[in-house]
Amino acid sequence: MLERTSTTGRYARSLIAAVIAVSALVLAANAGPARATEVHPAEGTTQTHRATETAGTAAD
């Protein structure tokens, strides 16, 4: 028959599991796409959508 685990052991395991879970979430949140090193867009690309100005066109 299985023995009961002590209360201290259960709390210790749950605390360790919580620390591991939080650290995994922090690492996942920081693992984003790398920043671009170029400031300018890639050569050979064309603009497919032109933004329109909306300032001053609102009806009063």
PDB file of N, CA and C in Angstrom:
ATOM      1  N   MET A   1       0.840  -1.179   0.000  1.00  0.00           N
ATOM      2  CA  MET A   1       0.000   0.000   0.000  1.00  0.00           C
ATOM      3  C   MET A   1       0.890   1.249   0.000  1.00  0.00           C
ATOM      4  N   LEU A   2       0.435   2.306  -0.641  1.00  0.00           N
ATOM      5  CA  LEU A   2       1.204   3.534  -0.730  1.00  0.00           C
ATOM      6  C   LEU A   2       1.133   4.322   0.566  1.00  0.00           C
ATOM      7  N   GLU A   3       2.268   4.951   0.900  1.00  0.00           N
ATOM      8  CA  GLU A   3       2.293   5.790   2.092  1.00  0.00           C
ATOM      9  C   GLU A   3       1.862   7.210   1.731  1.00  0.00           C
ATOM     10  N   ARG A   4       1.287   7.876   2.683  1.00  0.00           N
ATOM     11  CA  ARG A   4       0.898   9.276   2.458  1.00  0.00           C
ATOM     12  C   ARG A   4       2.134  10.140   2.432  1.00  0.00           C
ATOM     13  N   THR A   5       2.141  11.103   1.527  1.00  0.00           N
ATOM     14  CA  THR A   5       3.247  12.048   1.433  1.00  0.00           C
ATOM     15  C   THR A   5       3.049  13.122   2.495  1.00  0.00           C
ATOM     16  N   SER A   6       4.140  13.559   3.064  1.00  0.00           N
ATOM     17  CA  SER A   6       4.026  14.577   4.106  1.00  0.00           C
ATOM     18  C   SER A   6       3.543  15.899   3.504  1.00  0.00           C
ATOM     19  N   THR A   7       2.941  16.700   4.332  1.00  0.00           N
ATOM     20  CA  THR A   7       2.430  17.993   3.890  1.00  0.00           C
ATOM     21  C   THR A   7       3.566  18.893   3.416  1.00  0.00           C
ATOM     22  N   THR A   8       4.675  18.837   4.109  1.00  0.00           N
ATOM     23  CA  THR A   8       5.826  19.657   3.728  1.00  0.00           C
ATOM     24  C   THR A   8       6.331  19.258   2.344  1.00  0.00           C
ATOM     25  N   GLY A   9       6.370  17.986   2.076  1.00  0.00           N
ATOM     26  CA  GLY A   9       6.813  17.503   0.769  1.00  0.00           C
ATOM     27  C   GLY A   9       5.893  17.945  -0.354  1.00  0.00           C
ATOM     28  N   ARG A  10       4.588  17.899  -0.085  1.00  0.00           N
ATOM     29  CA  ARG A  10       3.627  18.341  -1.103  1.00  0.00           C
ATOM     30  C   ARG A  10       3.768  19.827  -1.385  1.00  0.00           C
ATOM     31  N   TYR A  11       3.915  20.633  -0.341  1.00  0.00           N
ATOM     32  CA  TYR A  11       4.087  22.077  -0.532  1.00  0.00           C
ATOM     33  C   TYR A  11       5.396  22.383  -1.246  1.00  0.00           C
ATOM     34  N   ALA A  12       6.438  21.647  -0.919  1.00  0.00           N
ATOM     35  CA  ALA A  12       7.733  21.874  -1.567  1.00  0.00           C
ATOM     36  C   ALA A  12       7.646  21.559  -3.062  1.00  0.00           C
ATOM     37  N   ARG A  13       7.009  20.449  -3.413  1.00  0.00           N
ATOM     38  CA  ARG A  13       6.858  20.095  -4.829  1.00  0.00           C
ATOM     39  C   ARG A  13       5.996  21.104  -5.566  1.00  0.00           C
ATOM     40  N   SER A  14       4.941  21.574  -4.930  1.00  0.00           N
ATOM     41  CA  SER A  14       4.073  22.547  -5.606  1.00  0.00           C
ATOM     42  C   SER A  14       4.791  23.880  -5.776  1.00  0.00           C
ATOM     43  N   LEU A  15       5.612  24.271  -4.811  1.00  0.00           N
ATOM     44  CA  LEU A  15       6.373  25.506  -4.933  1.00  0.00           C
ATOM     45  C   LEU A  15       7.399  25.405  -6.063  1.00  0.00           C
ATOM     46  N   ILE A  16       8.078  24.270  -6.149  1.00  0.00           N
ATOM     47  CA  ILE A  16       9.046  24.068  -7.222  1.00  0.00           C
ATOM     48  C   ILE A  16       8.345  24.074  -8.576  1.00  0.00           C
ATOM     49  N   ALA A  17       7.198  23.433  -8.665  1.00  0.00           N
ATOM     50  CA  ALA A  17       6.449  23.420  -9.926  1.00  0.00           C
ATOM     51  C   ALA A  17       5.991  24.819 -10.307  1.00  0.00           C
ATOM     52  N   ALA A  18       5.594  25.622  -9.331  1.00  0.00           N
ATOM     53  CA  ALA A  18       5.172  26.992  -9.619  1.00  0.00           C
ATOM     54  C   ALA A  18       6.337  27.839 -10.112  1.00  0.00           C
ATOM     55  N   VAL A  19       7.503  27.674  -9.502  1.00  0.00           N
ATOM     56  CA  VAL A  19       8.685  28.429  -9.941  1.00  0.00           C
ATOM     57  C   VAL A  19       9.069  28.033 -11.355  1.00  0.00           C
ATOM     58  N   ILE A  20       9.019  26.760 -11.676  1.00  0.00           N
ATOM     59  CA  ILE A  20       9.339  26.301 -13.026  1.00  0.00           C
ATOM     60  C   ILE A  20       8.325  26.836 -14.030  1.00  0.00           C
ATOM     61  N   ALA A  21       7.044  26.840 -13.665  1.00  0.00           N
ATOM     62  CA  ALA A  21       6.016  27.340 -14.572  1.00  0.00           C
ATOM     63  C   ALA A  21       6.186  28.831 -14.845  1.00  0.00           C
ATOM     64  N   VAL A  22       6.460  29.603 -13.820  1.00  0.00           N
ATOM     65  CA  VAL A  22       6.644  31.044 -13.997  1.00  0.00           C
ATOM     66  C   VAL A  22       7.883  31.323 -14.832  1.00  0.00           C
ATOM     67  N   SER A  23       8.963  30.610 -14.577  1.00  0.00           N
ATOM     68  CA  SER A  23      10.177  30.835 -15.363  1.00  0.00           C
ATOM     69  C   SER A  23       9.963  30.445 -16.822  1.00  0.00           C
ATOM     70  N   ALA A  24       9.193  29.399 -17.080  1.00  0.00           N
ATOM     71  CA  ALA A  24       8.896  29.020 -18.464  1.00  0.00           C
ATOM     72  C   ALA A  24       8.060  30.096 -19.147  1.00  0.00           C
ATOM     73  N   LEU A  25       7.105  30.675 -18.439  1.00  0.00           N
ATOM     74  CA  LEU A  25       6.293  31.743 -19.023  1.00  0.00           C
ATOM     75  C   LEU A  25       7.118  32.991 -19.296  1.00  0.00           C
ATOM     76  N   VAL A  26       8.027  33.322 -18.396  1.00  0.00           N
ATOM     77  CA  VAL A  26       8.886  34.496 -18.602  1.00  0.00           C
ATOM     78  C   VAL A  26       9.800  34.277 -19.799  1.00  0.00           C
ATOM     79  N   LEU A  27      10.378  33.096 -19.898  1.00  0.00           N
ATOM     80  CA  LEU A  27      11.237  32.801 -21.050  1.00  0.00           C
ATOM     81  C   LEU A  27      10.445  32.820 -22.351  1.00  0.00           C
ATOM     82  N   ALA A  28       9.235  32.307 -22.336  1.00  0.00           N
ATOM     83  CA  ALA A  28       8.414  32.302 -23.550  1.00  0.00           C
ATOM     84  C   ALA A  28       8.007  33.719 -23.943  1.00  0.00           C
ATOM     85  N   ALA A  29       7.764  34.572 -22.963  1.00  0.00           N
ATOM     86  CA  ALA A  29       7.378  35.950 -23.267  1.00  0.00           C
ATOM     87  C   ALA A  29       8.538  36.736 -23.856  1.00  0.00           C
ATOM     88  N   ASN A  30       9.754  36.403 -23.461  1.00  0.00           N
ATOM     89  CA  ASN A  30      10.923  37.117 -23.956  1.00  0.00           C
ATOM     90  C   ASN A  30      11.439  36.552 -25.271  1.00  0.00           C
ATOM     91  N   ALA A  31      10.943  35.422 -25.699  1.00  0.00           N
ATOM     92  CA  ALA A  31      11.408  34.807 -26.943  1.00  0.00           C
ATOM     93  C   ALA A  31      10.579  35.338 -28.100  1.00  0.00           C
ATOM     94  N   GLY A  32      10.911  36.525 -28.538  1.00  0.00           N
ATOM     95  CA  GLY A  32      10.211  37.131 -29.656  1.00  0.00           C
ATOM     96  C   GLY A  32      11.074  37.132 -30.892  1.00  0.00           C
ATOM     97  N   PRO A  33      10.566  37.667 -31.969  1.00  0.00           N
ATOM     98  CA  PRO A  33      11.368  37.736 -33.183  1.00  0.00           C
ATOM     99  C   PRO A  33      12.554  38.672 -33.003  1.00  0.00           C
ATOM    100  N   ALA A  34      13.622  38.395 -33.715  1.00  0.00           N
ATOM    101  CA  ALA A  34      14.820  39.221 -33.615  1.00  0.00           C
ATOM    102  C   ALA A  34      14.567  40.581 -34.242  1.00  0.00           C
ATOM    103  N   ARG A  35      15.214  41.601 -33.717  1.00  0.00           N
ATOM    104  CA  ARG A  35      15.078  42.944 -34.273  1.00  0.00           C
ATOM    105  C   ARG A  35      15.829  43.043 -35.589  1.00  0.00           C
ATOM    106  N   ALA A  36      15.273  43.823 -36.486  1.00  0.00           N
ATOM    107  CA  ALA A  36      15.923  44.032 -37.771  1.00  0.00           C
ATOM    108  C   ALA A  36      17.148  44.920 -37.585  1.00  0.00           C
ATOM    109  N   THR A  37      18.220  44.593 -38.285  1.00  0.00           N
ATOM    110  CA  THR A  37      19.423  45.402 -38.190  1.00  0.00           C
ATOM    111  C   THR A  37      19.399  46.548 -39.184  1.00  0.00           C
ATOM    112  N   GLU A  38      18.593  46.419 -40.245  1.00  0.00           N
ATOM    113  CA  GLU A  38      18.504  47.468 -41.254  1.00  0.00           C
ATOM    114  C   GLU A  38      17.368  48.423 -40.918  1.00  0.00           C
ATOM    115  N   VAL A  39      17.607  49.690 -41.157  1.00  0.00           N
ATOM    116  CA  VAL A  39      16.574  50.686 -40.920  1.00  0.00           C
ATOM    117  C   VAL A  39      15.691  50.824 -42.148  1.00  0.00           C
ATOM    118  N   HIS A  40      16.260  50.619 -43.322  1.00  0.00           N
ATOM    119  CA  HIS A  40      15.542  50.784 -44.575  1.00  0.00           C
ATOM    120  C   HIS A  40      14.902  49.470 -44.998  1.00  0.00           C
ATOM    121  N   PRO A  41      13.789  49.544 -45.734  1.00  0.00           N
ATOM    122  CA  PRO A  41      13.180  48.308 -46.222  1.00  0.00           C
ATOM    123  C   PRO A  41      14.098  47.618 -47.235  1.00  0.00           C
ATOM    124  N   ALA A  42      13.852  46.379 -47.464  1.00  0.00           N
ATOM    125  CA  ALA A  42      14.678  45.604 -48.386  1.00  0.00           C
ATOM    126  C   ALA A  42      14.584  46.180 -49.794  1.00  0.00           C
ATOM    127  N   GLU A  43      15.683  46.085 -50.531  1.00  0.00           N
ATOM    128  CA  GLU A  43      15.698  46.601 -51.887  1.00  0.00           C
ATOM    129  C   GLU A  43      14.857  45.710 -52.787  1.00  0.00           C
ATOM    130  N   GLY A  44      14.258  46.314 -53.797  1.00  0.00           N
ATOM    131  CA  GLY A  44      13.467  45.551 -54.752  1.00  0.00           C
ATOM    132  C   GLY A  44      12.022  45.360 -54.337  1.00  0.00           C
ATOM    133  N   THR A  45      11.620  45.917 -53.224  1.00  0.00           N
ATOM    134  CA  THR A  45      10.228  45.788 -52.818  1.00  0.00           C
ATOM    135  C   THR A  45       9.465  47.026 -53.246  1.00  0.00           C
ATOM    136  N   THR A  46       8.190  46.876 -53.449  1.00  0.00           N
ATOM    137  CA  THR A  46       7.353  48.001 -53.842  1.00  0.00           C
ATOM    138  C   THR A  46       6.250  48.190 -52.818  1.00  0.00           C
ATOM    139  N   GLN A  47       5.768  49.402 -52.744  1.00  0.00           N
ATOM    140  CA  GLN A  47       4.686  49.703 -51.821  1.00  0.00           C
ATOM    141  C   GLN A  47       3.377  49.325 -52.501  1.00  0.00           C
ATOM    142  N   THR A  48       2.588  48.485 -51.850  1.00  0.00           N
ATOM    143  CA  THR A  48       1.349  48.022 -52.464  1.00  0.00           C
ATOM    144  C   THR A  48       0.122  48.759 -51.946  1.00  0.00           C
ATOM    145  N   HIS A  49       0.260  49.496 -50.859  1.00  0.00           N
ATOM    146  CA  HIS A  49      -0.884  50.200 -50.287  1.00  0.00           C
ATOM    147  C   HIS A  49      -0.442  51.596 -49.914  1.00  0.00           C
ATOM    148  N   ARG A  50      -1.198  52.578 -50.350  1.00  0.00           N
ATOM    149  CA  ARG A  50      -0.848  53.955 -50.037  1.00  0.00           C
ATOM    150  C   ARG A  50      -1.783  54.459 -48.949  1.00  0.00           C
ATOM    151  N   ALA A  51      -1.191  54.961 -47.898  1.00  0.00           N
ATOM    152  CA  ALA A  51      -1.982  55.499 -46.798  1.00  0.00           C
ATOM    153  C   ALA A  51      -2.592  56.832 -47.236  1.00  0.00           C
ATOM    154  N   THR A  52      -3.840  57.050 -46.880  1.00  0.00           N
ATOM    155  CA  THR A  52      -4.505  58.299 -47.221  1.00  0.00           C
ATOM    156  C   THR A  52      -4.585  59.160 -46.005  1.00  0.00           C
ATOM    157  N   GLU A  53      -4.478  60.453 -46.234  1.00  0.00           N
ATOM    158  CA  GLU A  53      -4.597  61.400 -45.126  1.00  0.00           C
ATOM    159  C   GLU A  53      -6.057  61.582 -44.769  1.00  0.00           C
ATOM    160  N   THR A  54      -6.341  61.517 -43.495  1.00  0.00           N
ATOM    161  CA  THR A  54      -7.724  61.735 -43.048  1.00  0.00           C
ATOM    162  C   THR A  54      -7.836  63.000 -42.218  1.00  0.00           C
ATOM    163  N   ALA A  55      -6.724  63.654 -41.961  1.00  0.00           N
ATOM    164  CA  ALA A  55      -6.763  64.855 -41.148  1.00  0.00           C
ATOM    165  C   ALA A  55      -7.427  65.981 -41.947  1.00  0.00           C
ATOM    166  N   GLY A  56      -8.363  66.637 -41.347  1.00  0.00           N
ATOM    167  CA  GLY A  56      -9.037  67.757 -41.980  1.00  0.00           C
ATOM    168  C   GLY A  56     -10.188  67.368 -42.878  1.00  0.00           C
ATOM    169  N   THR A  57     -10.484  66.091 -43.005  1.00  0.00           N
ATOM    170  CA  THR A  57     -11.578  65.686 -43.874  1.00  0.00           C
ATOM    171  C   THR A  57     -12.831  65.298 -43.100  1.00  0.00           C
ATOM    172  N   ALA A  58     -12.775  65.383 -41.785  1.00  0.00           N
ATOM    173  CA  ALA A  58     -13.931  65.008 -40.981  1.00  0.00           C
ATOM    174  C   ALA A  58     -15.016  66.074 -41.110  1.00  0.00           C
ATOM    175  N   ALA A  59     -16.258  65.618 -41.196  1.00  0.00           N
ATOM    176  CA  ALA A  59     -17.385  66.552 -41.302  1.00  0.00           C
ATOM    177  C   ALA A  59     -17.633  67.196 -39.950  1.00  0.00           C
ATOM    178  N   ASP A  60     -17.824  68.499 -39.984  1.00  0.00           N
ATOM    179  CA  ASP A  60     -18.078  69.234 -38.727  1.00  0.00           C
ATOM    180  C   ASP A  60     -19.540  69.292 -38.412  1.00  0.00           C
TER     181      ASP A  60
END
